[in-house]
């Protein structure tokens, strides 16, 4: 899954973005991986999976991150569709 990240937002939210990615707004600044960690925590909370089930696989310093979620694919797809 791809997520477009906006750091230093006033509140944290994960929403539908485009056909290619979701949109995440996180309060953390893009310094020392803080925004990456905030995105992982937000995705885990939104998809109701443990943080260990969300892995950053690409885009560590880019605005668009590639994440890998582990878990029941049908349940994850339903939650993504509900955003």
C-alpha atoms as a PDB file:
ATOM      1  CA  UNK A   1       0.000   0.000   0.000  1.00  0.00           C
ATOM      2  CA  UNK A   2       1.195   3.513  -0.719  1.00  0.00           C
ATOM      3  CA  UNK A   3       0.542   6.404   1.659  1.00  0.00           C
ATOM      4  CA  UNK A   4       1.125  10.096   0.923  1.00  0.00           C
ATOM      5  CA  UNK A   5       2.268  11.723   4.173  1.00  0.00           C
ATOM      6  CA  UNK A   6       1.730  15.297   5.323  1.00  0.00           C
ATOM      7  CA  UNK A   7       3.855  15.898   8.435  1.00  0.00           C
ATOM      8  CA  UNK A   8       3.281  18.592  11.069  1.00  0.00           C
ATOM      9  CA  UNK A   9      -0.504  18.456  10.673  1.00  0.00           C
ATOM     10  CA  UNK A  10      -2.817  19.773  13.365  1.00  0.00           C
ATOM     11  CA  UNK A  11      -4.423  16.337  13.829  1.00  0.00           C
ATOM     12  CA  UNK A  12      -3.694  12.778  12.775  1.00  0.00           C
ATOM     13  CA  UNK A  13      -5.960  11.181  10.194  1.00  0.00           C
ATOM     14  CA  UNK A  14      -5.769   8.489   7.516  1.00  0.00           C
ATOM     15  CA  UNK A  15      -8.165   8.936   4.605  1.00  0.00           C
ATOM     16  CA  UNK A  16      -8.702   7.981   0.999  1.00  0.00           C
ATOM     17  CA  UNK A  17      -6.316   9.808  -1.287  1.00  0.00           C
ATOM     18  CA  UNK A  18      -6.231   8.806  -4.935  1.00  0.00           C
ATOM     19  CA  UNK A  19      -6.505   5.481  -6.724  1.00  0.00           C
ATOM     20  CA  UNK A  20      -2.767   4.999  -6.152  1.00  0.00           C
ATOM     21  CA  UNK A  21      -2.406   5.892  -2.465  1.00  0.00           C
ATOM     22  CA  UNK A  22      -4.032   6.777   0.844  1.00  0.00           C
ATOM     23  CA  UNK A  23      -3.491  10.178   2.475  1.00  0.00           C
ATOM     24  CA  UNK A  24      -2.049  10.428   5.981  1.00  0.00           C
ATOM     25  CA  UNK A  25      -1.728  13.567   8.083  1.00  0.00           C
ATOM     26  CA  UNK A  26       0.509  13.206  11.131  1.00  0.00           C
ATOM     27  CA  UNK A  27       1.512  15.678  13.841  1.00  0.00           C
ATOM     28  CA  UNK A  28       5.138  14.517  13.956  1.00  0.00           C
ATOM     29  CA  UNK A  29       7.823  16.459  12.093  1.00  0.00           C
ATOM     30  CA  UNK A  30       9.815  14.781   9.307  1.00  0.00           C
ATOM     31  CA  UNK A  31      12.919  14.582  11.494  1.00  0.00           C
ATOM     32  CA  UNK A  32      14.826  11.467  12.587  1.00  0.00           C
ATOM     33  CA  UNK A  33      12.073   9.118  11.344  1.00  0.00           C
ATOM     34  CA  UNK A  34       9.411  10.600  13.648  1.00  0.00           C
ATOM     35  CA  UNK A  35       6.884  11.024  10.836  1.00  0.00           C
ATOM     36  CA  UNK A  36       7.548   7.474   9.613  1.00  0.00           C
ATOM     37  CA  UNK A  37       6.865   6.090  13.083  1.00  0.00           C
ATOM     38  CA  UNK A  38       3.710   8.192  13.364  1.00  0.00           C
ATOM     39  CA  UNK A  39       2.451   6.876  10.009  1.00  0.00           C
ATOM     40  CA  UNK A  40       3.089   3.285  11.070  1.00  0.00           C
ATOM     41  CA  UNK A  41       1.202   3.857  14.333  1.00  0.00           C
ATOM     42  CA  UNK A  42      -1.682   5.592  12.529  1.00  0.00           C
ATOM     43  CA  UNK A  43      -2.028   2.837   9.926  1.00  0.00           C
ATOM     44  CA  UNK A  44      -1.894   0.136  12.620  1.00  0.00           C
ATOM     45  CA  UNK A  45      -4.578   1.927  14.649  1.00  0.00           C
ATOM     46  CA  UNK A  46      -6.823   2.557  11.636  1.00  0.00           C
ATOM     47  CA  UNK A  47      -6.568  -1.014  10.338  1.00  0.00           C
ATOM     48  CA  UNK A  48      -6.744  -2.430  13.889  1.00  0.00           C
ATOM     49  CA  UNK A  49      -3.584  -4.488  13.592  1.00  0.00           C
ATOM     50  CA  UNK A  50      -0.505  -4.528  15.845  1.00  0.00           C
ATOM     51  CA  UNK A  51       2.292  -2.104  14.968  1.00  0.00           C
ATOM     52  CA  UNK A  52       4.475  -5.104  14.227  1.00  0.00           C
ATOM     53  CA  UNK A  53       2.091  -5.966  11.346  1.00  0.00           C
ATOM     54  CA  UNK A  54       2.961  -2.701   9.536  1.00  0.00           C
ATOM     55  CA  UNK A  55       6.352  -2.377   7.861  1.00  0.00           C
ATOM     56  CA  UNK A  56       7.871   0.504   5.910  1.00  0.00           C
ATOM     57  CA  UNK A  57       9.241  -1.003   2.683  1.00  0.00           C
ATOM     58  CA  UNK A  58      10.035   2.115   0.674  1.00  0.00           C
ATOM     59  CA  UNK A  59      10.090   5.877   0.664  1.00  0.00           C
ATOM     60  CA  UNK A  60      11.798   6.362   3.999  1.00  0.00           C
ATOM     61  CA  UNK A  61      12.736   9.958   3.132  1.00  0.00           C
ATOM     62  CA  UNK A  62      10.024  10.578   0.513  1.00  0.00           C
ATOM     63  CA  UNK A  63       6.545  11.980   0.963  1.00  0.00           C
ATOM     64  CA  UNK A  64       4.974   8.818  -0.494  1.00  0.00           C
ATOM     65  CA  UNK A  65       5.691   5.766   1.658  1.00  0.00           C
ATOM     66  CA  UNK A  66       5.301   2.108   0.711  1.00  0.00           C
ATOM     67  CA  UNK A  67       3.909   0.023   3.557  1.00  0.00           C
ATOM     68  CA  UNK A  68       3.369  -3.693   3.907  1.00  0.00           C
ATOM     69  CA  UNK A  69       0.506  -4.825   6.147  1.00  0.00           C
ATOM     70  CA  UNK A  70       0.303  -8.354   7.496  1.00  0.00           C
ATOM     71  CA  UNK A  71      -3.004  -9.926   8.394  1.00  0.00           C
ATOM     72  CA  UNK A  72      -6.279 -11.138   6.945  1.00  0.00           C
ATOM     73  CA  UNK A  73      -6.310  -9.680   3.418  1.00  0.00           C
ATOM     74  CA  UNK A  74     -10.120  -9.616   3.182  1.00  0.00           C
ATOM     75  CA  UNK A  75     -10.446  -7.692   6.442  1.00  0.00           C
ATOM     76  CA  UNK A  76      -7.681  -5.262   5.447  1.00  0.00           C
ATOM     77  CA  UNK A  77      -9.335  -4.674   2.053  1.00  0.00           C
ATOM     78  CA  UNK A  78     -12.690  -3.949   3.711  1.00  0.00           C
ATOM     79  CA  UNK A  79     -11.115  -1.432   6.086  1.00  0.00           C
ATOM     80  CA  UNK A  80      -9.244   0.256   3.224  1.00  0.00           C
ATOM     81  CA  UNK A  81     -12.462   0.503   1.212  1.00  0.00           C
ATOM     82  CA  UNK A  82     -14.233   2.128   4.157  1.00  0.00           C
ATOM     83  CA  UNK A  83     -11.779   5.066   4.266  1.00  0.00           C
END
